């Protein structure tokens, strides 16, 4: 794995060195490069260099996220979070940063750091990108708010999820969070309706069995 990464890094550096050298040479020798043809070649080199550097930034951001994940899976959570902070500082416009925000929130939640977890989910939701992560951030936000005792906010976030992603595979657990938060607020009729919704929409599942037991216990 390390050797493969090293080979890739050498290849990236060689390509960038070539493009940088070519760009400098053409800029300094436009007459030799040949008038209009040289200008066209210069434009091609500029575009190529821009694309390459953009891809290099994306690749480096993903490498940084992978390092954070390796730290986390090794139990080195603080180091993993530090990598995510570095990702925010250097690569905030990359998709990897969005995944990093979700990952950071998911690391902070089990430690009971609900405020910090919510801050990461909120940044992801505020950015709106990547779009594929929005339902995950909303679901995580609702559950984190519930765990923090912020039941009114949890109800609002859960409802927002269900309004925008009703068929998402996370909808069952969001409905469950909604029902628990409604119960905590003393909204027993609303909670009963949510339990019934779970039973009807997710028959023959553990969610339906749980909702049935909760409804009978009321």
Protein backbone atom coordinates (compact mmCIF):
# COMPACT_ATOMS: atom_id res chain seq x y z
CA UNK A 1 0.00 0.00 0.00
CA UNK A 2 2.79 2.42 0.99
CA UNK A 3 4.92 1.52 -2.02
CA UNK A 4 1.99 1.96 -4.38
CA UNK A 5 1.25 5.38 -2.90
CA UNK A 6 4.91 6.36 -3.24
CA UNK A 7 4.98 5.36 -6.91
CA UNK A 8 1.82 7.36 -7.54
CA UNK A 9 3.27 10.37 -5.75
CA UNK A 10 6.48 10.22 -7.80
CA UNK A 11 4.41 9.98 -10.97
CA UNK A 12 2.34 13.01 -9.91
CA UNK A 13 5.47 15.03 -9.15
CA UNK A 14 7.09 14.11 -12.48
CA UNK A 15 4.00 15.16 -14.43
CA UNK A 16 3.67 18.42 -12.55
CA UNK A 17 7.40 19.18 -13.00
CA UNK A 18 7.04 18.59 -16.74
CA UNK A 19 3.99 20.82 -17.02
CA UNK A 20 5.58 23.56 -14.94
CA UNK A 21 8.78 23.45 -17.01
CA UNK A 22 6.87 23.51 -20.30
CA UNK A 23 4.74 26.40 -19.11
CA UNK A 24 7.83 28.42 -18.13
CA UNK A 25 9.63 27.66 -21.40
CA UNK A 26 6.70 28.65 -23.61
CA UNK A 27 6.13 31.83 -21.62
CA UNK A 28 9.77 32.83 -22.11
CA UNK A 29 10.06 31.74 -25.75
CA UNK A 30 6.82 32.70 -27.44
CA UNK A 31 8.55 33.66 -30.70
CA UNK A 32 10.36 30.34 -30.88
CA UNK A 33 7.17 28.50 -30.02
CA UNK A 34 5.71 30.13 -33.10
CA UNK A 35 3.20 32.95 -32.93
CA UNK A 36 -0.40 31.79 -32.89
CA UNK A 37 0.57 28.12 -32.63
CA UNK A 38 2.60 28.96 -29.56
CA UNK A 39 -0.30 30.85 -28.03
CA UNK A 40 -2.62 27.90 -28.63
CA UNK A 41 -0.08 25.54 -27.12
CA UNK A 42 0.30 27.89 -24.17
CA UNK A 43 -3.46 27.87 -23.62
CA UNK A 44 -3.52 24.06 -23.79
CA UNK A 45 -0.73 23.88 -21.24
CA UNK A 46 -2.51 26.30 -18.89
CA UNK A 47 -5.75 24.31 -19.09
CA UNK A 48 -3.90 21.00 -18.63
CA UNK A 49 -2.01 22.32 -15.64
CA UNK A 50 -5.21 23.66 -14.05
CA UNK A 51 -7.01 20.34 -14.52
CA UNK A 52 -4.05 18.37 -13.24
CA UNK A 53 -3.61 20.51 -10.17
CA UNK A 54 -7.34 20.29 -9.44
CA UNK A 55 -7.18 16.51 -9.60
CA UNK A 56 -4.06 16.48 -7.46
CA UNK A 57 -5.82 18.55 -4.78
CA UNK A 58 -8.77 16.13 -4.79
CA UNK A 59 -6.46 13.11 -4.57
CA UNK A 60 -4.46 14.64 -1.72
CA UNK A 61 -7.68 15.43 0.16
CA UNK A 62 -8.83 11.81 -0.16
CA UNK A 63 -5.42 10.64 1.07
CA UNK A 64 -5.80 12.91 4.11
CA UNK A 65 -9.27 11.50 4.82
CA UNK A 66 -7.97 7.93 4.49
CA UNK A 67 -5.27 8.73 7.04
CA UNK A 68 -7.91 10.08 9.42
CA UNK A 69 -9.91 6.87 9.02
CA UNK A 70 -6.85 4.74 9.70
CA UNK A 71 -6.24 6.66 12.92
CA UNK A 72 -9.88 6.29 13.96
CA UNK A 73 -10.04 2.55 13.31
CA UNK A 74 -6.86 2.22 15.33
CA UNK A 75 -8.52 3.94 18.28
CA UNK A 76 -6.56 7.18 17.84
CA UNK A 77 -9.61 9.42 17.68
CA UNK A 78 -7.92 12.68 18.62
CA UNK A 79 -5.37 12.24 15.85
CA UNK A 80 -8.16 11.40 13.42
CA UNK A 81 -10.02 14.57 14.37
CA UNK A 82 -6.83 16.57 13.93
CA UNK A 83 -6.55 15.26 10.37
CA UNK A 84 -10.13 16.35 9.68
CA UNK A 85 -9.28 19.82 11.00
CA UNK A 86 -6.32 19.95 8.62
CA UNK A 87 -8.63 18.86 5.83
CA UNK A 88 -10.90 21.79 6.65
CA UNK A 89 -8.00 24.23 6.58
CA UNK A 90 -6.44 23.07 3.31
CA UNK A 91 -9.14 21.31 1.27
CA UNK A 92 -12.49 22.79 2.29
CA UNK A 93 -13.74 22.83 -1.32
CA UNK A 94 -13.23 19.12 -1.95
CA UNK A 95 -15.75 16.30 -1.66
CA UNK A 96 -13.43 14.58 0.78
CA UNK A 97 -14.01 17.44 3.21
CA UNK A 98 -17.76 16.75 3.18
CA UNK A 99 -17.13 13.10 4.01
CA UNK A 100 -14.68 14.26 6.67
CA UNK A 101 -17.33 16.40 8.36
CA UNK A 102 -19.73 13.45 8.55
CA UNK A 103 -16.96 11.18 9.80
CA UNK A 104 -15.91 13.70 12.46
CA UNK A 105 -19.48 13.98 13.72
CA UNK A 106 -19.74 10.20 13.89
CA UNK A 107 -16.53 10.06 15.93
CA UNK A 108 -17.64 12.76 18.35
CA UNK A 109 -21.14 11.38 18.96
CA UNK A 110 -20.10 8.19 20.84
CA UNK A 111 -17.92 10.31 23.12
CA UNK A 112 -20.94 12.33 24.16
CA UNK A 113 -19.59 15.46 22.49
CA UNK A 114 -22.98 16.26 21.02
CA UNK A 115 -22.42 19.98 20.53
CA UNK A 116 -19.25 19.40 18.53
CA UNK A 117 -20.86 16.59 16.53
CA UNK A 118 -23.78 18.86 15.64
CA UNK A 119 -21.36 21.57 14.48
CA UNK A 120 -19.84 19.18 11.96
CA UNK A 121 -23.21 17.96 10.70
CA UNK A 122 -24.42 21.57 10.43
CA UNK A 123 -21.43 22.56 8.29
CA UNK A 124 -22.19 19.69 5.92
CA UNK A 125 -25.88 20.62 5.74
CA UNK A 126 -25.13 24.31 5.25
CA UNK A 127 -22.78 23.58 2.36
CA UNK A 128 -25.32 21.33 0.62
CA UNK A 129 -22.48 19.26 -0.82
CA UNK A 130 -21.95 16.43 -1.45
CA UNK A 131 -25.66 15.95 -2.08
CA UNK A 132 -25.45 12.20 -1.42
CA UNK A 133 -24.44 12.89 2.18
CA UNK A 134 -27.28 15.28 3.04
CA UNK A 135 -29.73 12.61 4.29
CA UNK A 136 -26.98 11.03 6.40
CA UNK A 137 -26.17 14.39 7.98
CA UNK A 138 -29.85 15.14 8.65
CA UNK A 139 -30.43 11.73 10.22
CA UNK A 140 -27.32 12.04 12.37
CA UNK A 141 -28.31 15.56 13.42
CA UNK A 142 -31.79 14.45 14.55
CA UNK A 143 -30.43 11.55 16.59
CA UNK A 144 -27.68 13.69 18.12
CA UNK A 145 -30.19 16.36 19.11
CA UNK A 146 -32.36 13.68 20.69
CA UNK A 147 -29.39 12.30 22.64
CA UNK A 148 -28.53 15.83 23.80
CA UNK A 149 -32.07 16.29 25.15
CA UNK A 150 -32.91 18.87 22.49
CA UNK A 151 -36.19 17.20 21.71
CA UNK A 152 -37.95 20.08 19.99
CA UNK A 153 -35.03 20.56 17.60
CA UNK A 154 -34.86 16.80 17.08
CA UNK A 155 -38.53 16.70 16.08
CA UNK A 156 -38.00 19.51 13.59
CA UNK A 157 -34.89 17.93 12.08
CA UNK A 158 -36.50 14.49 11.86
CA UNK A 159 -39.54 15.96 10.14
CA UNK A 160 -37.30 17.81 7.71
CA UNK A 161 -35.61 14.52 6.86
CA UNK A 162 -38.91 12.72 6.35
CA UNK A 163 -40.26 15.54 4.19
CA UNK A 164 -37.24 15.53 1.89
CA UNK A 165 -36.14 11.87 1.97
CA UNK A 166 -39.28 9.81 2.75
CA UNK A 167 -38.05 6.70 0.93
CA UNK A 168 -34.47 6.72 2.17
CA UNK A 169 -33.31 3.57 3.94
CA UNK A 170 -32.59 5.66 7.06
CA UNK A 171 -36.23 6.79 7.28
CA UNK A 172 -37.18 4.01 9.71
CA UNK A 173 -34.62 5.01 12.32
CA UNK A 174 -35.48 8.69 11.84
CA UNK A 175 -39.15 7.88 12.46
CA UNK A 176 -38.10 6.04 15.61
CA UNK A 177 -36.10 9.06 16.78
CA UNK A 178 -39.08 11.28 16.00
CA UNK A 179 -41.40 9.10 18.08
CA UNK A 180 -39.03 9.06 21.06
CA UNK A 181 -38.62 12.83 20.93
CA UNK A 182 -42.38 13.30 20.71
CA UNK A 183 -42.80 11.11 23.78
CA UNK A 184 -40.16 13.11 25.64
CA UNK A 185 -42.10 16.29 24.86
CA UNK A 186 -45.33 14.74 26.11
CA UNK A 187 -46.78 14.69 22.59
CA UNK A 188 -48.34 11.28 23.14
CA UNK A 189 -50.91 11.45 20.33
CA UNK A 190 -48.25 12.42 17.80
CA UNK A 191 -45.93 9.70 19.10
CA UNK A 192 -48.71 7.11 18.80
CA UNK A 193 -49.30 8.18 15.19
CA UNK A 194 -45.59 7.84 14.44
CA UNK A 195 -45.53 4.34 15.98
CA UNK A 196 -48.47 3.36 13.76
CA UNK A 197 -46.69 4.77 10.73
CA UNK A 198 -43.63 2.64 11.47
CA UNK A 199 -45.77 -0.50 11.89
CA UNK A 200 -47.56 0.10 8.58
CA UNK A 201 -44.56 1.21 6.51
CA UNK A 202 -42.06 -1.35 7.80
CA UNK A 203 -44.04 -4.55 8.43
CA UNK A 204 -42.23 -7.70 9.55
CA UNK A 205 -39.13 -5.75 10.59
CA UNK A 206 -37.46 -5.12 13.92
CA UNK A 207 -38.63 -1.51 13.62
CA UNK A 208 -42.27 -2.62 13.41
CA UNK A 209 -41.83 -4.97 16.37
CA UNK A 210 -40.24 -2.17 18.40
CA UNK A 211 -43.00 0.29 17.51
CA UNK A 212 -45.65 -2.30 18.39
CA UNK A 213 -44.06 -2.86 21.81
CA UNK A 214 -43.78 0.88 22.43
CA UNK A 215 -47.41 1.44 21.46
CA UNK A 216 -48.63 -1.30 23.77
CA UNK A 217 -46.57 0.08 26.61
CA UNK A 218 -48.27 3.48 26.46
